PDB file of all heavy atoms in Angstrom:
ATOM      1  N   LEU A   1      -0.267  -7.080   5.559  1.00  0.00           N
ATOM      2  CA  LEU A   1       0.954  -6.582   5.050  1.00  0.00           C
ATOM      3  C   LEU A   1       1.408  -5.381   5.757  1.00  0.00           C
ATOM      4  O   LEU A   1       0.720  -4.475   6.069  1.00  0.00           O
ATOM      5  CB  LEU A   1       0.807  -6.209   3.610  1.00  0.00           C
ATOM      6  CG  LEU A   1       1.946  -5.494   2.946  1.00  0.00           C
ATOM      7  CD1 LEU A   1       3.111  -6.531   2.625  1.00  0.00           C
ATOM      8  CD2 LEU A   1       1.534  -4.779   1.591  1.00  0.00           C
ATOM      9  N   THR A   2       2.687  -5.439   6.266  1.00  0.00           N
ATOM     10  CA  THR A   2       3.314  -4.252   6.800  1.00  0.00           C
ATOM     11  C   THR A   2       4.389  -3.714   5.914  1.00  0.00           C
ATOM     12  O   THR A   2       5.207  -4.513   5.320  1.00  0.00           O
ATOM     13  CB  THR A   2       3.976  -4.591   8.209  1.00  0.00           C
ATOM     14  OG1 THR A   2       2.985  -5.052   9.062  1.00  0.00           O
ATOM     15  CG2 THR A   2       4.711  -3.352   8.834  1.00  0.00           C
ATOM     16  N   ILE A   3       4.380  -2.405   5.572  1.00  0.00           N
ATOM     17  CA  ILE A   3       5.370  -1.803   4.745  1.00  0.00           C
ATOM     18  C   ILE A   3       5.912  -0.709   5.564  1.00  0.00           C
ATOM     19  O   ILE A   3       5.268  -0.088   6.482  1.00  0.00           O
ATOM     20  CB  ILE A   3       4.856  -1.329   3.408  1.00  0.00           C
ATOM     21  CG1 ILE A   3       3.750  -0.299   3.544  1.00  0.00           C
ATOM     22  CG2 ILE A   3       4.351  -2.465   2.554  1.00  0.00           C
ATOM     23  CD1 ILE A   3       3.270   0.312   2.257  1.00  0.00           C
ATOM     24  N   TRP A   4       7.266  -0.393   5.326  1.00  0.00           N
ATOM     25  CA  TRP A   4       7.836   0.793   6.137  1.00  0.00           C
ATOM     26  C   TRP A   4       8.881   1.530   5.424  1.00  0.00           C
ATOM     27  O   TRP A   4       9.403   1.059   4.252  1.00  0.00           O
ATOM     28  CB  TRP A   4       8.477   0.098   7.440  1.00  0.00           C
ATOM     29  CG  TRP A   4       9.641  -0.821   7.217  1.00  0.00           C
ATOM     30  CD1 TRP A   4      10.952  -0.574   7.226  1.00  0.00           C
ATOM     31  CD2 TRP A   4       9.512  -2.266   7.164  1.00  0.00           C
ATOM     32  NE1 TRP A   4      11.688  -1.703   7.096  1.00  0.00           N
ATOM     33  CE2 TRP A   4      10.798  -2.844   7.012  1.00  0.00           C
ATOM     34  CE3 TRP A   4       8.380  -3.151   7.116  1.00  0.00           C
ATOM     35  CZ2 TRP A   4      11.062  -4.159   6.853  1.00  0.00           C
ATOM     36  CZ3 TRP A   4       8.690  -4.498   6.924  1.00  0.00           C
ATOM     37  CH2 TRP A   4       9.928  -5.024   6.808  1.00  0.00           C
ATOM     38  N   LEU A   5       9.070   2.678   5.904  1.00  0.00           N
ATOM     39  CA  LEU A   5      10.091   3.621   5.287  1.00  0.00           C
ATOM     40  C   LEU A   5      11.138   3.885   6.360  1.00  0.00           C
ATOM     41  O   LEU A   5      10.826   4.184   7.543  1.00  0.00           O
ATOM     42  CB  LEU A   5       9.335   4.921   4.998  1.00  0.00           C
ATOM     43  CG  LEU A   5      10.199   6.152   4.705  1.00  0.00           C
ATOM     44  CD1 LEU A   5      10.889   6.099   3.329  1.00  0.00           C
ATOM     45  CD2 LEU A   5       9.347   7.494   4.756  1.00  0.00           C
ATOM     46  N   ASP A   6      12.411   3.801   5.959  1.00  0.00           N
ATOM     47  CA  ASP A   6      13.477   4.305   6.767  1.00  0.00           C
ATOM     48  C   ASP A   6      14.475   5.082   5.925  1.00  0.00           C
ATOM     49  O   ASP A   6      14.127   5.494   4.807  1.00  0.00           O
ATOM     50  CB  ASP A   6      14.178   3.114   7.485  1.00  0.00           C
ATOM     51  CG  ASP A   6      14.785   2.078   6.523  1.00  0.00           C
ATOM     52  OD1 ASP A   6      15.078   2.430   5.406  1.00  0.00           O
ATOM     53  OD2 ASP A   6      15.061   0.887   6.923  1.00  0.00           O
ATOM     54  N   ARG A   7      15.591   5.357   6.435  1.00  0.00           N
ATOM     55  CA  ARG A   7      16.528   6.175   5.692  1.00  0.00           C
ATOM     56  C   ARG A   7      17.059   5.616   4.370  1.00  0.00           C
ATOM     57  O   ARG A   7      17.375   6.330   3.457  1.00  0.00           O
ATOM     58  CB  ARG A   7      17.749   6.507   6.632  1.00  0.00           C
ATOM     59  CG  ARG A   7      18.522   7.731   6.196  1.00  0.00           C
ATOM     60  CD  ARG A   7      19.734   7.947   7.193  1.00  0.00           C
ATOM     61  NE  ARG A   7      19.366   8.166   8.538  1.00  0.00           N
ATOM     62  CZ  ARG A   7      18.997   9.331   8.938  1.00  0.00           C
ATOM     63  NH1 ARG A   7      19.025  10.400   8.203  1.00  0.00           N
ATOM     64  NH2 ARG A   7      18.628   9.483  10.303  1.00  0.00           N
ATOM     65  N   THR A   8      16.855   4.334   4.216  1.00  0.00           N
ATOM     66  CA  THR A   8      17.395   3.658   3.040  1.00  0.00           C
ATOM     67  C   THR A   8      16.366   3.471   1.913  1.00  0.00           C
ATOM     68  O   THR A   8      16.717   3.562   0.737  1.00  0.00           O
ATOM     69  CB  THR A   8      17.923   2.256   3.331  1.00  0.00           C
ATOM     70  OG1 THR A   8      16.874   1.440   3.873  1.00  0.00           O
ATOM     71  CG2 THR A   8      18.996   2.337   4.360  1.00  0.00           C
ATOM     72  N   SER A   9      15.057   3.351   2.300  1.00  0.00           N
ATOM     73  CA  SER A   9      14.065   3.133   1.287  1.00  0.00           C
ATOM     74  C   SER A   9      12.623   3.098   1.890  1.00  0.00           C
ATOM     75  O   SER A   9      12.466   2.943   3.087  1.00  0.00           O
ATOM     76  CB  SER A   9      14.271   1.723   0.626  1.00  0.00           C
ATOM     77  OG  SER A   9      13.282   1.438  -0.297  1.00  0.00           O
ATOM     78  N   GLY A  10      11.736   3.375   1.006  1.00  0.00           N
ATOM     79  CA  GLY A  10      10.303   3.055   1.296  1.00  0.00           C
ATOM     80  C   GLY A  10       9.887   1.798   0.664  1.00  0.00           C
ATOM     81  O   GLY A  10      10.696   0.879   0.407  1.00  0.00           O
ATOM     82  N   SER A  11       8.559   1.599   0.393  1.00  0.00           N
ATOM     83  CA  SER A  11       8.096   0.383  -0.271  1.00  0.00           C
ATOM     84  C   SER A  11       6.753   0.580  -0.902  1.00  0.00           C
ATOM     85  O   SER A  11       5.933   1.501  -0.541  1.00  0.00           O
ATOM     86  CB  SER A  11       7.950  -0.723   0.831  1.00  0.00           C
ATOM     87  OG  SER A  11       7.755  -1.977   0.226  1.00  0.00           O
ATOM     88  N   GLY A  12       6.508  -0.260  -1.923  1.00  0.00           N
ATOM     89  CA  GLY A  12       5.184  -0.101  -2.623  1.00  0.00           C
ATOM     90  C   GLY A  12       4.818  -1.487  -3.312  1.00  0.00           C
ATOM     91  O   GLY A  12       5.584  -2.331  -3.498  1.00  0.00           O
ATOM     92  N   PHE A  13       3.447  -1.538  -3.529  1.00  0.00           N
ATOM     93  CA  PHE A  13       2.947  -2.719  -4.155  1.00  0.00           C
ATOM     94  C   PHE A  13       1.990  -2.395  -5.240  1.00  0.00           C
ATOM     95  O   PHE A  13       1.508  -1.222  -5.254  1.00  0.00           O
ATOM     96  CB  PHE A  13       2.362  -3.754  -3.108  1.00  0.00           C
ATOM     97  CG  PHE A  13       1.254  -3.078  -2.284  1.00  0.00           C
ATOM     98  CD1 PHE A  13      -0.061  -3.136  -2.695  1.00  0.00           C
ATOM     99  CD2 PHE A  13       1.497  -2.561  -1.053  1.00  0.00           C
ATOM    100  CE1 PHE A  13      -1.062  -2.623  -2.000  1.00  0.00           C
ATOM    101  CE2 PHE A  13       0.476  -1.962  -0.310  1.00  0.00           C
ATOM    102  CZ  PHE A  13      -0.780  -1.967  -0.732  1.00  0.00           C
ATOM    103  N   LYS A  14       1.640  -3.335  -6.111  1.00  0.00           N
ATOM    104  CA  LYS A  14       0.776  -3.110  -7.252  1.00  0.00           C
ATOM    105  C   LYS A  14      -0.052  -4.302  -7.581  1.00  0.00           C
ATOM    106  O   LYS A  14       0.389  -5.494  -7.398  1.00  0.00           O
ATOM    107  CB  LYS A  14       1.708  -2.756  -8.367  1.00  0.00           C
ATOM    108  CG  LYS A  14       1.034  -2.615  -9.809  1.00  0.00           C
ATOM    109  CD  LYS A  14       2.043  -2.416 -10.911  1.00  0.00           C
ATOM    110  CE  LYS A  14       1.453  -2.276 -12.274  1.00  0.00           C
ATOM    111  NZ  LYS A  14       2.489  -2.251 -13.311  1.00  0.00           N
ATOM    112  N   SER A  15      -1.333  -4.042  -8.005  1.00  0.00           N
ATOM    113  CA  SER A  15      -2.098  -5.173  -8.394  1.00  0.00           C
ATOM    114  C   SER A  15      -1.654  -5.835  -9.604  1.00  0.00           C
ATOM    115  O   SER A  15      -1.014  -5.238 -10.455  1.00  0.00           O
ATOM    116  CB  SER A  15      -3.592  -4.670  -8.623  1.00  0.00           C
ATOM    117  OG  SER A  15      -3.670  -3.863  -9.709  1.00  0.00           O
ATOM    118  N   VAL A  16      -1.811  -7.151  -9.713  1.00  0.00           N
ATOM    119  CA  VAL A  16      -1.420  -7.856 -10.872  1.00  0.00           C
ATOM    120  C   VAL A  16      -2.194  -7.480 -12.125  1.00  0.00           C
ATOM    121  O   VAL A  16      -1.663  -7.318 -13.205  1.00  0.00           O
ATOM    122  CB  VAL A  16      -1.659  -9.423 -10.619  1.00  0.00           C
ATOM    123  CG1 VAL A  16      -1.266 -10.213 -11.917  1.00  0.00           C
ATOM    124  CG2 VAL A  16      -0.673  -9.879  -9.475  1.00  0.00           C
ATOM    125  N   LYS A  17      -3.469  -7.219 -11.925  1.00  0.00           N
ATOM    126  CA  LYS A  17      -4.425  -6.891 -13.074  1.00  0.00           C
ATOM    127  C   LYS A  17      -4.640  -5.448 -13.208  1.00  0.00           C
ATOM    128  O   LYS A  17      -4.783  -4.681 -12.198  1.00  0.00           O
ATOM    129  CB  LYS A  17      -5.670  -7.637 -12.984  1.00  0.00           C
ATOM    130  CG  LYS A  17      -5.654  -9.198 -12.908  1.00  0.00           C
ATOM    131  CD  LYS A  17      -7.048  -9.728 -12.722  1.00  0.00           C
ATOM    132  CE  LYS A  17      -7.043 -11.247 -12.693  1.00  0.00           C
ATOM    133  NZ  LYS A  17      -8.381 -11.824 -12.334  1.00  0.00           N
ATOM    134  N   PRO A  18      -4.737  -4.897 -14.448  1.00  0.00           N
ATOM    135  CA  PRO A  18      -5.285  -3.532 -14.622  1.00  0.00           C
ATOM    136  C   PRO A  18      -6.835  -3.610 -14.694  1.00  0.00           C
ATOM    137  O   PRO A  18      -7.368  -4.584 -15.170  1.00  0.00           O
ATOM    138  CB  PRO A  18      -4.659  -3.099 -15.975  1.00  0.00           C
ATOM    139  CG  PRO A  18      -4.469  -4.410 -16.729  1.00  0.00           C
ATOM    140  CD  PRO A  18      -4.287  -5.491 -15.695  1.00  0.00           C
ATOM    141  N   PHE A  19      -7.470  -2.549 -14.297  1.00  0.00           N
ATOM    142  CA  PHE A  19      -8.942  -2.475 -14.294  1.00  0.00           C
ATOM    143  C   PHE A  19      -9.354  -1.258 -15.051  1.00  0.00           C
ATOM    144  O   PHE A  19      -8.664  -0.232 -15.153  1.00  0.00           O
ATOM    145  CB  PHE A  19      -9.437  -2.420 -12.843  1.00  0.00           C
ATOM    146  CG  PHE A  19      -9.200  -3.590 -12.048  1.00  0.00           C
ATOM    147  CD1 PHE A  19      -7.963  -3.798 -11.368  1.00  0.00           C
ATOM    148  CD2 PHE A  19     -10.159  -4.633 -11.938  1.00  0.00           C
ATOM    149  CE1 PHE A  19      -7.722  -4.941 -10.644  1.00  0.00           C
ATOM    150  CE2 PHE A  19      -9.881  -5.696 -11.090  1.00  0.00           C
ATOM    151  CZ  PHE A  19      -8.716  -5.879 -10.483  1.00  0.00           C
ATOM    152  N   ARG A  20     -10.568  -1.323 -15.621  1.00  0.00           N
ATOM    153  CA  ARG A  20     -11.163  -0.143 -16.225  1.00  0.00           C
ATOM    154  C   ARG A  20     -12.379   0.448 -15.404  1.00  0.00           C
ATOM    155  O   ARG A  20     -12.968   1.424 -15.756  1.00  0.00           O
ATOM    156  CB  ARG A  20     -11.624  -0.430 -17.727  1.00  0.00           C
ATOM    157  CG  ARG A  20     -12.703  -1.387 -17.931  1.00  0.00           C
ATOM    158  CD  ARG A  20     -13.078  -1.403 -19.389  1.00  0.00           C
ATOM    159  NE  ARG A  20     -14.309  -2.230 -19.652  1.00  0.00           N
ATOM    160  CZ  ARG A  20     -14.265  -3.420 -19.992  1.00  0.00           C
ATOM    161  NH1 ARG A  20     -13.144  -4.093 -20.248  1.00  0.00           N
ATOM    162  NH2 ARG A  20     -15.477  -4.111 -20.117  1.00  0.00           N
ATOM    163  N   SER A  21     -12.695  -0.326 -14.314  1.00  0.00           N
ATOM    164  CA  SER A  21     -13.702   0.090 -13.375  1.00  0.00           C
ATOM    165  C   SER A  21     -13.717  -0.875 -12.219  1.00  0.00           C
ATOM    166  O   SER A  21     -13.147  -2.028 -12.341  1.00  0.00           O
ATOM    167  CB  SER A  21     -15.093   0.239 -13.910  1.00  0.00           C
ATOM    168  OG  SER A  21     -15.628  -1.002 -14.238  1.00  0.00           O
ATOM    169  N   GLY A  22     -14.255  -0.495 -11.055  1.00  0.00           N
ATOM    170  CA  GLY A  22     -14.265  -1.449  -9.996  1.00  0.00           C
ATOM    171  C   GLY A  22     -14.301  -0.792  -8.621  1.00  0.00           C
ATOM    172  O   GLY A  22     -14.335   0.397  -8.409  1.00  0.00           O
ATOM    173  N   TYR A  23     -14.261  -1.717  -7.600  1.00  0.00           N
ATOM    174  CA  TYR A  23     -14.181  -1.355  -6.197  1.00  0.00           C
ATOM    175  C   TYR A  23     -12.810  -1.690  -5.659  1.00  0.00           C
ATOM    176  O   TYR A  23     -12.386  -2.870  -5.777  1.00  0.00           O
ATOM    177  CB  TYR A  23     -15.301  -2.038  -5.392  1.00  0.00           C
ATOM    178  CG  TYR A  23     -15.288  -1.725  -3.913  1.00  0.00           C
ATOM    179  CD1 TYR A  23     -16.060  -0.754  -3.359  1.00  0.00           C
ATOM    180  CD2 TYR A  23     -14.368  -2.362  -3.052  1.00  0.00           C
ATOM    181  CE1 TYR A  23     -16.076  -0.477  -2.012  1.00  0.00           C
ATOM    182  CE2 TYR A  23     -14.348  -2.144  -1.637  1.00  0.00           C
ATOM    183  CZ  TYR A  23     -15.224  -1.151  -1.178  1.00  0.00           C
ATOM    184  OH  TYR A  23     -15.137  -0.910   0.144  1.00  0.00           O
ATOM    185  N   PHE A  24     -12.143  -0.784  -5.102  1.00  0.00           N
ATOM    186  CA  PHE A  24     -10.687  -0.906  -4.638  1.00  0.00           C
ATOM    187  C   PHE A  24     -10.554  -0.453  -3.248  1.00  0.00           C
ATOM    188  O   PHE A  24     -10.796   0.762  -3.002  1.00  0.00           O
ATOM    189  CB  PHE A  24      -9.758  -0.192  -5.548  1.00  0.00           C
ATOM    190  CG  PHE A  24     -10.074  -0.477  -7.046  1.00  0.00           C
ATOM    191  CD1 PHE A  24     -10.848   0.385  -7.808  1.00  0.00           C
ATOM    192  CD2 PHE A  24      -9.545  -1.661  -7.673  1.00  0.00           C
ATOM    193  CE1 PHE A  24     -11.157   0.159  -9.174  1.00  0.00           C
ATOM    194  CE2 PHE A  24      -9.884  -1.929  -8.980  1.00  0.00           C
ATOM    195  CZ  PHE A  24     -10.626  -1.067  -9.753  1.00  0.00           C
ATOM    196  N   GLY A  25     -10.226  -1.321  -2.380  1.00  0.00           N
ATOM    197  CA  GLY A  25     -10.111  -0.905  -0.941  1.00  0.00           C
ATOM    198  C   GLY A  25      -9.172  -1.733  -0.191  1.00  0.00           C
ATOM    199  O   GLY A  25      -8.644  -2.774  -0.572  1.00  0.00           O
ATOM    200  N   ALA A  26      -8.839  -1.351   1.070  1.00  0.00           N
ATOM    201  CA  ALA A  26      -8.058  -2.019   2.032  1.00  0.00           C
ATOM    202  C   ALA A  26      -8.293  -1.387   3.385  1.00  0.00           C
ATOM    203  O   ALA A  26      -8.597  -0.241   3.541  1.00  0.00           O
ATOM    204  CB  ALA A  26      -6.520  -1.862   1.737  1.00  0.00           C
ATOM    205  N   SER A  27      -8.173  -2.173   4.408  1.00  0.00           N
ATOM    206  CA  SER A  27      -8.139  -1.707   5.793  1.00  0.00           C
ATOM    207  C   SER A  27      -6.747  -1.417   6.175  1.00  0.00           C
ATOM    208  O   SER A  27      -5.793  -2.221   5.980  1.00  0.00           O
ATOM    209  CB  SER A  27      -8.746  -2.822   6.671  1.00  0.00           C
ATOM    210  OG  SER A  27     -10.085  -3.078   6.397  1.00  0.00           O
ATOM    211  N   ILE A  28      -6.597  -0.204   6.683  1.00  0.00           N
ATOM    212  CA  ILE A  28      -5.255   0.423   6.951  1.00  0.00           C
ATOM    213  C   ILE A  28      -5.125   0.867   8.360  1.00  0.00           C
ATOM    214  O   ILE A  28      -6.131   1.490   8.912  1.00  0.00           O
ATOM    215  CB  ILE A  28      -4.924   1.505   5.960  1.00  0.00           C
ATOM    216  CG1 ILE A  28      -5.057   1.078   4.495  1.00  0.00           C
ATOM    217  CG2 ILE A  28      -3.542   2.080   6.235  1.00  0.00           C
ATOM    218  CD1 ILE A  28      -4.890   2.106   3.477  1.00  0.00           C
ATOM    219  N   LYS A  29      -3.970   0.625   8.967  1.00  0.00           N
ATOM    220  CA  LYS A  29      -3.687   1.192  10.321  1.00  0.00           C
ATOM    221  C   LYS A  29      -2.407   2.031  10.170  1.00  0.00           C
ATOM    222  O   LYS A  29      -1.317   1.523   9.700  1.00  0.00           O
ATOM    223  CB  LYS A  29      -3.532   0.093  11.310  1.00  0.00           C
ATOM    224  CG  LYS A  29      -3.341   0.576  12.774  1.00  0.00           C
ATOM    225  CD  LYS A  29      -3.220  -0.595  13.777  1.00  0.00           C
ATOM    226  CE  LYS A  29      -2.960  -0.087  15.153  1.00  0.00           C
ATOM    227  NZ  LYS A  29      -2.851  -1.250  16.069  1.00  0.00           N
ATOM    228  N   LEU A  30      -2.431   3.216  10.633  1.00  0.00           N
ATOM    229  CA  LEU A  30      -1.336   4.095  10.459  1.00  0.00           C
ATOM    230  C   LEU A  30      -0.492   4.248  11.770  1.00  0.00           C
ATOM    231  O   LEU A  30      -0.839   3.820  12.880  1.00  0.00           O
ATOM    232  CB  LEU A  30      -1.843   5.536  10.105  1.00  0.00           C
ATOM    233  CG  LEU A  30      -2.647   5.743   8.864  1.00  0.00           C
ATOM    234  CD1 LEU A  30      -3.176   7.065   8.726  1.00  0.00           C
ATOM    235  CD2 LEU A  30      -1.880   5.270   7.644  1.00  0.00           C
ATOM    236  N   GLN A  31       0.746   4.731  11.662  1.00  0.00           N
ATOM    237  CA  GLN A  31       1.691   4.839  12.770  1.00  0.00           C
ATOM    238  C   GLN A  31       1.400   6.126  13.536  1.00  0.00           C
ATOM    239  O   GLN A  31       1.201   7.192  12.952  1.00  0.00           O
ATOM    240  CB  GLN A  31       3.058   4.823  12.230  1.00  0.00           C
ATOM    241  CG  GLN A  31       4.144   5.078  13.338  1.00  0.00           C
ATOM    242  CD  GLN A  31       5.602   4.777  12.918  1.00  0.00           C
ATOM    243  OE1 GLN A  31       5.774   3.692  12.281  1.00  0.00           O
ATOM    244  NE2 GLN A  31       6.490   5.766  13.187  1.00  0.00           N
ATOM    245  N   PRO A  32       1.330   6.074  14.888  1.00  0.00           N
ATOM    246  CA  PRO A  32       1.170   7.262  15.714  1.00  0.00           C
ATOM    247  C   PRO A  32       2.419   7.986  15.888  1.00  0.00           C
ATOM    248  O   PRO A  32       3.538   7.555  15.435  1.00  0.00           O
ATOM    249  CB  PRO A  32       0.713   6.680  17.034  1.00  0.00           C
ATOM    250  CG  PRO A  32       1.355   5.275  17.083  1.00  0.00           C
ATOM    251  CD  PRO A  32       1.345   4.776  15.696  1.00  0.00           C
ATOM    252  N   GLY A  33       2.382   9.150  16.490  1.00  0.00           N
ATOM    253  CA  GLY A  33       3.560   9.955  16.789  1.00  0.00           C
ATOM    254  C   GLY A  33       4.022  10.810  15.638  1.00  0.00           C
ATOM    255  O   GLY A  33       3.188  11.267  14.827  1.00  0.00           O
TER     256      GLY A  33
END
């Protein structure tokens, strides 16, 4: 998934399920500059 921010908007996502405990992770690559 690629999400981006520009002058008009950013972006966000949400898990379908709520949790009361667990392991939550993702591999992420950030923008340079």
